[in-house]
C-alpha atoms as a PDB file:
ATOM      1  CA  MET A   1     128.913 126.274  98.393  1.00  0.00           C
ATOM      2  CA  GLU A   2     128.139 129.472 100.008  1.00  0.00           C
ATOM      3  CA  LYS A   3     127.275 129.566 103.706  1.00  0.00           C
ATOM      4  CA  GLN A   4     124.266 131.313 104.577  1.00  0.00           C
ATOM      5  CA  THR A   5     124.061 133.578 107.280  1.00  0.00           C
ATOM      6  CA  ALA A   6     120.936 132.721 109.862  1.00  0.00           C
ATOM      7  CA  LYS A   7     118.912 135.265 108.761  1.00  0.00           C
ATOM      8  CA  GLN A   8     118.987 134.381 104.969  1.00  0.00           C
ATOM      9  CA  SER A   9     118.410 130.848 106.522  1.00  0.00           C
ATOM     10  CA  PHE A  10     115.218 131.978 108.577  1.00  0.00           C
ATOM     11  CA  LEU A  11     113.920 134.254 105.795  1.00  0.00           C
ATOM     12  CA  SER A  12     114.461 131.186 102.880  1.00  0.00           C
ATOM     13  CA  GLY A  13     111.302 129.372 101.911  1.00  0.00           C
ATOM     14  CA  SER A  14     113.101 126.105 101.523  1.00  0.00           C
ATOM     15  CA  THR A  15     114.027 125.947 104.917  1.00  0.00           C
ATOM     16  CA  TRP A  16     110.156 127.021 106.155  1.00  0.00           C
ATOM     17  CA  LYS A  17     109.331 124.108 103.492  1.00  0.00           C
ATOM     18  CA  ARG A  18     111.538 121.181 105.196  1.00  0.00           C
ATOM     19  CA  ILE A  19     110.254 122.554 108.570  1.00  0.00           C
ATOM     20  CA  LEU A  20     106.878 121.459 107.422  1.00  0.00           C
ATOM     21  CA  PHE A  21     107.761 118.440 105.779  1.00  0.00           C
ATOM     22  CA  MET A  22     109.653 117.725 109.136  1.00  0.00           C
ATOM     23  CA  VAL A  23     106.574 117.801 110.921  1.00  0.00           C
ATOM     24  CA  LEU A  24     104.552 115.729 108.453  1.00  0.00           C
ATOM     25  CA  TYR A  25     107.052 113.070 108.602  1.00  0.00           C
ATOM     26  CA  THR A  26     107.288 113.307 112.398  1.00  0.00           C
ATOM     27  CA  ILE A  27     103.609 112.619 112.335  1.00  0.00           C
ATOM     28  CA  LEU A  28     103.888 109.604 109.652  1.00  0.00           C
ATOM     29  CA  TYR A  29     106.802 108.084 112.147  1.00  0.00           C
ATOM     30  CA  GLY A  30     104.363 108.446 115.292  1.00  0.00           C
ATOM     31  CA  ILE A  31     101.783 106.327 113.003  1.00  0.00           C
ATOM     32  CA  ALA A  32     104.306 103.781 111.590  1.00  0.00           C
ATOM     33  CA  GLU A  33     105.309 102.786 115.166  1.00  0.00           C
ATOM     34  CA  MET A  34     102.107 102.044 116.431  1.00  0.00           C
ATOM     35  CA  VAL A  35     101.604 100.230 113.309  1.00  0.00           C
ATOM     36  CA  VAL A  36     105.003  98.245 113.962  1.00  0.00           C
ATOM     37  CA  VAL A  37     103.601  97.309 117.358  1.00  0.00           C
ATOM     38  CA  GLY A  38     100.523  95.796 115.702  1.00  0.00           C
ATOM     39  CA  VAL A  39     102.546  93.902 113.035  1.00  0.00           C
ATOM     40  CA  ALA A  40     104.700  92.401 116.188  1.00  0.00           C
ATOM     41  CA  PHE A  41     101.691  91.627 117.949  1.00  0.00           C
ATOM     42  CA  ILE A  42     100.037  89.595 115.157  1.00  0.00           C
ATOM     43  CA  GLN A  43     103.563  87.811 114.629  1.00  0.00           C
ATOM     44  CA  VAL A  44     103.396  86.737 118.410  1.00  0.00           C
ATOM     45  CA  ILE A  45      99.765  85.568 117.819  1.00  0.00           C
ATOM     46  CA  PHE A  46     100.535  83.484 114.487  1.00  0.00           C
ATOM     47  CA  ALA A  47     103.843  81.934 116.138  1.00  0.00           C
ATOM     48  CA  LEU A  48     101.655  80.675 119.220  1.00  0.00           C
ATOM     49  CA  PHE A  49      98.974  79.208 116.882  1.00  0.00           C
ATOM     50  CA  THR A  50     100.828  77.951 113.777  1.00  0.00           C
ATOM     51  CA  GLY A  51     104.259  77.574 115.174  1.00  0.00           C
ATOM     52  CA  GLY A  52     106.224  80.307 113.174  1.00  0.00           C
ATOM     53  CA  PRO A  53     105.629  84.003 111.891  1.00  0.00           C
ATOM     54  CA  ASN A  54     103.174  84.869 109.141  1.00  0.00           C
ATOM     55  CA  LYS A  55     105.145  85.524 105.520  1.00  0.00           C
ATOM     56  CA  ARG A  56     103.116  88.690 104.606  1.00  0.00           C
ATOM     57  CA  MET A  57     103.848  89.975 108.006  1.00  0.00           C
ATOM     58  CA  LEU A  58     107.531  89.414 107.624  1.00  0.00           C
ATOM     59  CA  ASP A  59     107.442  91.506 104.225  1.00  0.00           C
ATOM     60  CA  LEU A  60     105.099  94.215 106.019  1.00  0.00           C
ATOM     61  CA  GLY A  61     107.669  94.427 108.976  1.00  0.00           C
ATOM     62  CA  GLN A  62     110.639  94.887 106.831  1.00  0.00           C
ATOM     63  CA  ASN A  63     108.837  97.289 104.877  1.00  0.00           C
ATOM     64  CA  LEU A  64     108.034  99.577 107.499  1.00  0.00           C
ATOM     65  CA  ALA A  65     111.617  99.355 109.007  1.00  0.00           C
ATOM     66  CA  THR A  66     112.929 100.452 105.931  1.00  0.00           C
ATOM     67  CA  TYR A  67     110.224 103.335 105.698  1.00  0.00           C
ATOM     68  CA  ILE A  68     110.997 104.527 109.314  1.00  0.00           C
ATOM     69  CA  TYR A  69     114.753 104.325 108.328  1.00  0.00           C
ATOM     70  CA  GLN A  70     113.990 106.382 105.458  1.00  0.00           C
ATOM     71  CA  ILE A  71     112.117 108.981 107.713  1.00  0.00           C
ATOM     72  CA  ILE A  72     114.940 109.010 110.374  1.00  0.00           C
ATOM     73  CA  ARG A  73     117.322 109.908 107.427  1.00  0.00           C
ATOM     74  CA  PHE A  74     115.175 112.779 106.276  1.00  0.00           C
ATOM     75  CA  LEU A  75     114.309 114.354 110.049  1.00  0.00           C
ATOM     76  CA  THR A  76     118.043 114.198 110.529  1.00  0.00           C
ATOM     77  CA  PHE A  77     119.260 115.901 107.658  1.00  0.00           C
ATOM     78  CA  ASN A  78     121.341 112.905 106.416  1.00  0.00           C
ATOM     79  CA  SER A  79     118.954 112.641 103.282  1.00  0.00           C
ATOM     80  CA  GLU A  80     117.075 114.916 101.373  1.00  0.00           C
ATOM     81  CA  GLN A  81     114.956 112.429  99.328  1.00  0.00           C
ATOM     82  CA  ARG A  82     111.618 112.723 101.146  1.00  0.00           C
ATOM     83  CA  PRO A  83     109.965 109.039 101.832  1.00  0.00           C
ATOM     84  CA  TYR A  84     106.454 108.071 101.181  1.00  0.00           C
ATOM     85  CA  PRO A  85     104.093 109.604 100.393  1.00  0.00           C
ATOM     86  CA  MET A  86     106.250 111.886  98.151  1.00  0.00           C
ATOM     87  CA  ASP A  87     108.250 108.834  97.107  1.00  0.00           C
ATOM     88  CA  SER A  88     107.074 105.464  96.516  1.00  0.00           C
ATOM     89  CA  TRP A  89     106.602 102.929  99.383  1.00  0.00           C
ATOM     90  CA  PRO A  90     109.788 100.698 100.292  1.00  0.00           C
ATOM     91  CA  SER A  91     110.089  97.490  99.179  1.00  0.00           C
ATOM     92  CA  GLY A  92     112.820  95.494 100.837  1.00  0.00           C
ATOM     93  CA  PRO A  93     115.685  96.657 103.211  1.00  0.00           C
ATOM     94  CA  PRO A  94     117.223 100.032 102.660  1.00  0.00           C
ATOM     95  CA  LYS A  95     119.386 100.612  99.633  1.00  0.00           C
ATOM     96  CA  ASP A  96     122.954 101.700  99.616  1.00  0.00           C
ATOM     97  CA  GLU A  97     122.659 105.394 100.526  1.00  0.00           C
ATOM     98  CA  THR A  98     125.626 107.757 100.091  1.00  0.00           C
ATOM     99  CA  PRO A  99     126.323 110.578 102.555  1.00  0.00           C
ATOM    100  CA  LEU A 100     125.060 113.941 101.398  1.00  0.00           C
ATOM    101  CA  ALA A 101     127.760 116.206  99.937  1.00  0.00           C
ATOM    102  CA  GLY A 102     130.368 117.650 102.053  1.00  0.00           C
ATOM    103  CA  MET A 103     129.486 115.417 104.511  1.00  0.00           C
ATOM    104  CA  ASP A 104     132.303 112.957 104.418  1.00  0.00           C
END
């Protein structure tokens, strides 16, 4: 693959589109962080009153962790796959992902 010059990258519509998505995912990352804190708080309350965590909150926590992982991979250019809402909401732990071409 040919290397683009800085000027070509700066003028490229795909570069600006990615920057726009990066801003969106940075905002979504902040929201997801707040939800994780809420889930952790709810789990502490459940543990105090029931002696253990809530199963639904465990699943939500895992899915949020996977979502945050996907966002971080996208923001750090380790993935071109855009997470939710451009893709489906994650379910369970992250799937094995291969590095970007030329990055091995």
